[in-house]
Amino acid sequence: MVSTIRCFNTDLFCPICKGNILYKEDLIICHSCSTKFLQETQEYINLLPQNAIIKEESKWEERQEDMELWYKNLITDTISAVSVFEHDYTPLKLYFAQLTGNILDLGGGVGVVRHYLSDKSNYIVVDPSADWLSSDWKLLSNAYPCLNTKPNFVMGVGEFLMFADNTFDSVLSLWSINHVSNPAKVFHEVQRVLKRGGRFFIVFEDMEPLWRDFLDKSLLKYFGLNGLTRMLKSKIRTALFNQKWPVQSDHIFITDKDIQQWSNSRFNQIQRKWIGTYLTYEFVKK
């Protein structure tokens, strides 16, 4: 089987046990644990450990299907799709432009980030959905010419990465941590595959702001007065009635305290910042 990530110039390993793998015509087999991964196409490599993910969280498939359906509906309206991508990615374009070296995009989908990367970057996506490789995404190529070509793509998840230790200069998780089954394991795996001093940049959705965040003038800029007022009312309501911050159905509930616990032993925090309408964190590997 011809590898679609040949240009990435790295070996892949079993995502479960990290053993060596054997490529066959329509199958990848782990030498160590004998796990088999069916290869249905040469467009990507499938190293998705489906059974292992379900053991982590029984509702993962249901949440994943909800998200995939949302994007399938989005691509039927190209104007709306471009608008969504511009809203999400444009505030981050300066960060993306300065990235160099080997870059891993967890849950990176169709690879819109490529539109902003320099020629000095070597980019690959790990995502559990092959829907992102549909030719429908080429309909957005006038706005994002990079979508004329498919990204280097491995079907998989962040909890079970298939790369060697110390492979990447940067790892991105853009609106994807909220969809995983075990964020702590994702942080562990990212720490493993990052080079020393490598950066881990995360964009979180549905995050409850801290009280001090309301003193940040950028929140008013991004959310507007009405949006900020709604957010403050929700914050007061959750505090008074001891309720959880509301999240959409395909997301898991994440707090700043969770993030600190997942990162403390593995990373130094560089920044915590609201960008656009999302909360971002950047870490560096210790």
Protein backbone atom coordinates (compact mmCIF):
# COMPACT_ATOMS: atom_id res chain seq x y z
CA MET A 1 0.00 0.00 0.00
CA VAL A 2 1.33 3.45 -0.91
CA SER A 3 1.52 5.71 2.12
CA THR A 4 -0.20 9.06 1.75
CA ILE A 5 2.17 10.55 4.33
CA ARG A 6 5.40 9.69 2.53
CA CYS A 7 6.32 13.38 2.37
CA PHE A 8 6.01 13.59 6.15
CA ASN A 9 9.08 11.38 6.41
CA THR A 10 8.34 9.58 9.65
CA ASP A 11 7.51 6.04 10.68
CA LEU A 12 4.14 5.16 12.12
CA PHE A 13 3.54 2.78 15.01
CA CYS A 14 0.63 0.94 16.57
CA PRO A 15 -1.47 3.59 18.34
CA ILE A 16 -2.33 1.18 21.15
CA CYS A 17 0.97 -0.44 22.17
CA LYS A 18 3.43 1.65 20.07
CA GLY A 19 4.78 -1.51 18.46
CA ASN A 20 6.00 -1.77 14.88
CA ILE A 21 3.36 -2.25 12.21
CA LEU A 22 3.27 -4.29 9.02
CA TYR A 23 1.67 -2.85 5.88
CA LYS A 24 -0.29 -5.27 3.71
CA GLU A 25 -2.50 -4.67 0.68
CA ASP A 26 -5.64 -3.77 2.62
CA LEU A 27 -4.52 -4.27 6.21
CA ILE A 28 -2.10 -2.92 8.81
CA ILE A 29 -1.13 -5.36 11.56
CA CYS A 30 0.77 -4.64 14.76
CA HIS A 31 3.72 -6.99 15.31
CA SER A 32 3.42 -6.69 19.09
CA CYS A 33 -0.29 -6.77 20.02
CA SER A 34 -1.64 -8.19 16.72
CA THR A 35 -4.26 -5.43 16.39
CA LYS A 36 -5.54 -5.18 12.81
CA PHE A 37 -6.54 -1.98 11.02
CA LEU A 38 -8.52 -2.36 7.82
CA GLN A 39 -7.34 -0.07 5.00
CA GLU A 40 -10.31 0.72 2.78
CA THR A 41 -8.59 3.30 0.56
CA GLN A 42 -5.17 4.66 -0.35
CA GLU A 43 -6.29 8.23 0.35
CA TYR A 44 -5.34 7.91 4.01
CA ILE A 45 -3.99 5.49 6.58
CA ASN A 46 -6.47 4.09 9.09
CA LEU A 47 -5.04 3.67 12.59
CA LEU A 48 -8.27 4.32 14.48
CA PRO A 49 -8.50 2.01 17.55
CA GLN A 50 -12.29 1.95 17.60
CA ASN A 51 -12.73 -0.58 20.41
CA ALA A 52 -10.20 1.15 22.65
CA ILE A 53 -12.01 4.48 22.28
CA ILE A 54 -15.39 2.98 23.15
CA LYS A 55 -13.90 1.50 26.32
CA GLU A 56 -12.90 5.04 27.32
CA GLU A 57 -16.39 6.45 26.83
CA SER A 58 -19.50 4.67 25.59
CA LYS A 59 -21.06 7.85 24.14
CA TRP A 60 -18.06 8.90 22.06
CA GLU A 61 -19.48 7.50 18.80
CA GLU A 62 -22.78 9.28 19.34
CA ARG A 63 -21.08 12.61 19.99
CA GLN A 64 -18.79 12.12 16.99
CA GLU A 65 -21.75 11.38 14.71
CA ASP A 66 -23.49 14.57 15.86
CA MET A 67 -20.44 16.64 14.97
CA GLU A 68 -19.97 14.97 11.59
CA LEU A 69 -23.61 15.58 10.72
CA TRP A 70 -23.25 19.27 11.59
CA TYR A 71 -20.36 19.66 9.14
CA LYS A 72 -22.12 17.66 6.44
CA ASN A 73 -24.98 20.12 6.67
CA LEU A 74 -22.59 23.07 6.72
CA ILE A 75 -20.88 22.19 3.44
CA THR A 76 -24.22 22.27 1.61
CA ASP A 77 -24.08 26.07 1.99
CA THR A 78 -20.64 27.22 0.82
CA ILE A 79 -21.20 30.85 1.79
CA SER A 80 -22.03 29.86 5.36
CA ALA A 81 -19.12 27.41 5.47
CA VAL A 82 -16.62 30.07 4.39
CA SER A 83 -18.11 32.47 6.93
CA VAL A 84 -17.73 29.91 9.74
CA PHE A 85 -14.10 29.20 8.83
CA GLU A 86 -13.28 32.90 8.57
CA HIS A 87 -14.86 33.53 11.98
CA ASP A 88 -12.89 30.69 13.56
CA TYR A 89 -9.49 30.83 11.84
CA THR A 90 -8.88 34.48 10.95
CA PRO A 91 -8.26 35.64 14.56
CA LEU A 92 -5.53 32.96 14.78
CA LYS A 93 -3.81 33.56 11.44
CA LEU A 94 -0.79 35.40 12.86
CA TYR A 95 -0.11 32.53 15.23
CA PHE A 96 -0.31 29.96 12.44
CA ALA A 97 1.94 32.01 10.14
CA GLN A 98 4.90 31.83 12.52
CA LEU A 99 4.82 28.05 12.94
CA THR A 100 7.66 26.04 11.41
CA GLY A 101 8.84 22.44 11.41
CA ASN A 102 6.70 19.36 11.97
CA ILE A 103 3.11 20.30 12.86
CA LEU A 104 0.44 17.86 14.07
CA ASP A 105 -3.18 19.02 13.89
CA LEU A 106 -5.40 16.91 16.17
CA GLY A 107 -8.94 16.80 14.84
CA GLY A 108 -7.70 19.03 12.03
CA GLY A 109 -10.38 17.94 9.58
CA VAL A 110 -9.85 19.11 6.01
CA GLY A 111 -6.73 21.03 6.99
CA VAL A 112 -7.83 24.66 6.67
CA VAL A 113 -4.81 25.62 8.79
CA ARG A 114 -2.64 25.02 5.69
CA HIS A 115 -4.02 28.27 4.26
CA TYR A 116 -2.07 30.21 6.90
CA LEU A 117 1.11 28.14 7.29
CA SER A 118 4.50 29.07 5.86
CA ASP A 119 6.47 26.91 3.43
CA LYS A 120 8.76 26.01 6.32
CA SER A 121 6.13 23.81 7.92
CA ASN A 122 5.48 20.09 7.52
CA TYR A 123 1.82 19.45 8.34
CA ILE A 124 -0.26 16.37 9.11
CA VAL A 125 -3.82 15.79 10.38
CA VAL A 126 -4.99 13.08 12.76
CA ASP A 127 -8.79 12.90 12.76
CA PRO A 128 -11.32 10.09 13.36
CA SER A 129 -13.54 11.07 10.41
CA ALA A 130 -12.72 10.41 6.76
CA ASP A 131 -15.63 12.67 5.74
CA TRP A 132 -13.12 15.51 5.68
CA LEU A 133 -11.52 14.00 2.59
CA SER A 134 -14.74 14.34 0.58
CA SER A 135 -14.37 16.28 -2.66
CA ASP A 136 -17.22 18.52 -1.44
CA TRP A 137 -14.69 20.59 0.48
CA LYS A 138 -13.15 21.71 -2.80
CA LEU A 139 -16.22 23.92 -3.16
CA LEU A 140 -14.50 26.26 -0.70
CA SER A 141 -11.25 26.40 -2.68
CA ASN A 142 -11.85 29.92 -4.00
CA ALA A 143 -11.54 31.17 -0.43
CA TYR A 144 -9.10 28.45 0.67
CA PRO A 145 -6.97 27.25 -2.30
CA CYS A 146 -5.27 24.67 -0.07
CA LEU A 147 -8.50 22.64 -0.17
CA ASN A 148 -7.80 21.73 -3.80
CA THR A 149 -5.45 19.12 -2.36
CA LYS A 150 -6.09 16.76 0.51
CA PRO A 151 -3.92 17.10 3.61
CA ASN A 152 -1.54 14.47 4.89
CA PHE A 153 -4.11 12.51 6.86
CA VAL A 154 -4.14 9.63 9.32
CA MET A 155 -7.44 8.37 10.70
CA GLY A 156 -6.98 8.24 14.45
CA VAL A 157 -7.48 10.05 17.74
CA GLY A 158 -5.35 12.07 20.13
CA GLU A 159 -5.59 9.52 22.96
CA PHE A 160 -3.82 6.91 20.82
CA LEU A 161 -1.18 8.61 18.66
CA MET A 162 0.83 6.61 16.17
CA PHE A 163 4.03 8.65 16.09
CA ALA A 164 7.42 8.21 17.71
CA ASP A 165 8.52 10.19 20.74
CA ASN A 166 9.89 13.69 20.08
CA THR A 167 8.53 13.98 16.53
CA PHE A 168 6.75 17.35 16.42
CA ASP A 169 7.70 20.99 16.87
CA SER A 170 4.07 22.03 17.38
CA VAL A 171 0.76 20.30 18.10
CA LEU A 172 -2.55 22.03 17.45
CA SER A 173 -5.92 21.13 18.92
CA LEU A 174 -8.44 23.56 17.48
CA TRP A 175 -11.99 23.07 18.79
CA SER A 176 -11.27 19.34 19.15
CA ILE A 177 -10.43 18.67 22.82
CA ASN A 178 -14.10 19.20 23.65
CA HIS A 179 -14.92 16.21 21.43
CA VAL A 180 -12.44 13.64 22.76
CA SER A 181 -13.18 10.84 25.21
CA ASN A 182 -10.17 11.26 27.53
CA PRO A 183 -8.48 14.69 27.50
CA ALA A 184 -5.91 13.67 30.13
CA LYS A 185 -4.66 10.92 27.83
CA VAL A 186 -4.48 13.39 24.93
CA PHE A 187 -2.22 15.66 26.99
CA HIS A 188 -0.05 12.65 27.86
CA GLU A 189 0.29 11.60 24.23
CA VAL A 190 0.97 15.15 23.02
CA GLN A 191 3.74 15.50 25.61
CA ARG A 192 5.25 12.27 24.31
CA VAL A 193 5.29 13.16 20.61
CA LEU A 194 6.41 16.78 21.07
CA LYS A 195 10.09 17.66 20.96
CA ARG A 196 11.52 19.27 24.08
CA GLY A 197 10.47 22.91 23.96
CA GLY A 198 7.69 22.09 21.50
CA ARG A 199 4.43 24.02 21.68
CA PHE A 200 0.90 22.73 22.31
CA PHE A 201 -1.76 25.24 21.23
CA ILE A 202 -5.38 24.54 22.15
CA VAL A 203 -8.64 26.28 21.34
CA PHE A 204 -11.46 25.35 23.71
CA GLU A 205 -15.19 25.77 23.16
CA ASP A 206 -17.99 26.24 25.71
CA MET A 207 -15.59 27.36 28.42
CA GLU A 208 -16.88 29.02 31.56
CA PRO A 209 -15.05 32.34 32.00
CA LEU A 210 -13.32 33.08 35.27
CA TRP A 211 -14.57 36.11 37.18
CA ARG A 212 -11.39 37.97 36.31
CA ASP A 213 -12.04 37.42 32.61
CA PHE A 214 -14.83 39.96 32.73
CA LEU A 215 -12.19 42.63 33.44
CA ASP A 216 -10.49 41.78 30.13
CA LYS A 217 -11.44 44.41 27.54
CA SER A 218 -10.92 41.90 24.72
CA LEU A 219 -14.04 40.02 25.83
CA LEU A 220 -16.20 43.04 25.07
CA LYS A 221 -14.47 43.38 21.71
CA TYR A 222 -15.09 39.78 20.70
CA PHE A 223 -18.50 39.10 22.25
CA GLY A 224 -20.10 42.53 22.04
CA LEU A 225 -22.12 44.08 24.85
CA ASN A 226 -25.13 41.78 24.39
CA GLY A 227 -23.01 38.64 24.20
CA LEU A 228 -20.94 39.63 27.21
CA THR A 229 -24.10 40.42 29.19
CA ARG A 230 -25.53 36.97 28.40
CA MET A 231 -22.26 35.37 29.45
CA LEU A 232 -22.20 37.28 32.73
CA LYS A 233 -25.81 36.28 33.48
CA SER A 234 -24.93 32.63 32.85
CA LYS A 235 -21.90 32.95 35.11
CA ILE A 236 -24.01 34.42 37.93
CA ARG A 237 -26.68 31.73 37.46
CA THR A 238 -24.17 28.88 37.67
CA ALA A 239 -22.61 30.40 40.78
CA LEU A 240 -25.90 31.01 42.59
CA PHE A 241 -27.51 27.67 41.81
CA ASN A 242 -24.36 25.51 41.69
CA GLN A 243 -25.06 24.52 38.09
CA LYS A 244 -22.68 23.36 35.40
CA TRP A 245 -21.76 25.73 32.61
CA PRO A 246 -23.93 24.86 29.56
CA VAL A 247 -22.22 22.97 26.73
CA GLN A 248 -23.56 21.72 23.42
CA SER A 249 -24.56 18.08 23.14
CA ASP A 250 -21.48 16.83 21.29
CA HIS A 251 -19.04 18.46 23.76
CA ILE A 252 -17.65 17.30 27.07
CA PHE A 253 -17.61 19.63 30.07
CA ILE A 254 -14.14 21.12 30.71
CA THR A 255 -12.99 23.62 33.34
CA ASP A 256 -9.80 25.64 33.80
CA LYS A 257 -9.06 23.46 36.82
CA ASP A 258 -9.20 20.36 34.60
CA ILE A 259 -6.77 21.91 32.15
CA GLN A 260 -4.29 22.73 34.91
CA GLN A 261 -4.46 19.15 36.22
CA TRP A 262 -3.88 17.65 32.76
CA SER A 263 -0.96 19.93 31.96
CA ASN A 264 0.90 20.57 35.24
CA SER A 265 3.33 17.65 35.24
CA ARG A 266 4.02 17.81 31.52
CA PHE A 267 3.99 21.42 30.34
CA ASN A 268 4.72 24.98 31.30
CA GLN A 269 1.87 27.35 30.50
CA ILE A 270 2.80 30.21 28.18
CA GLN A 271 -0.54 31.91 27.93
CA ARG A 272 -4.25 31.71 28.59
CA LYS A 273 -6.15 34.11 26.36
CA TRP A 274 -9.54 34.72 24.83
CA ILE A 275 -9.16 35.01 21.05
CA GLY A 276 -12.29 35.57 19.06
CA THR A 277 -15.07 33.96 21.06
CA TYR A 278 -12.92 31.05 22.22
CA LEU A 279 -10.55 30.43 25.10
CA THR A 280 -7.01 29.50 24.04
CA TYR A 281 -4.13 27.99 25.95
CA GLU A 282 -0.54 27.61 24.84
CA PHE A 283 1.88 25.27 26.56
CA VAL A 284 5.53 24.36 26.08
CA LYS A 285 6.86 20.88 26.80
CA LYS A 286 9.07 20.75 29.89
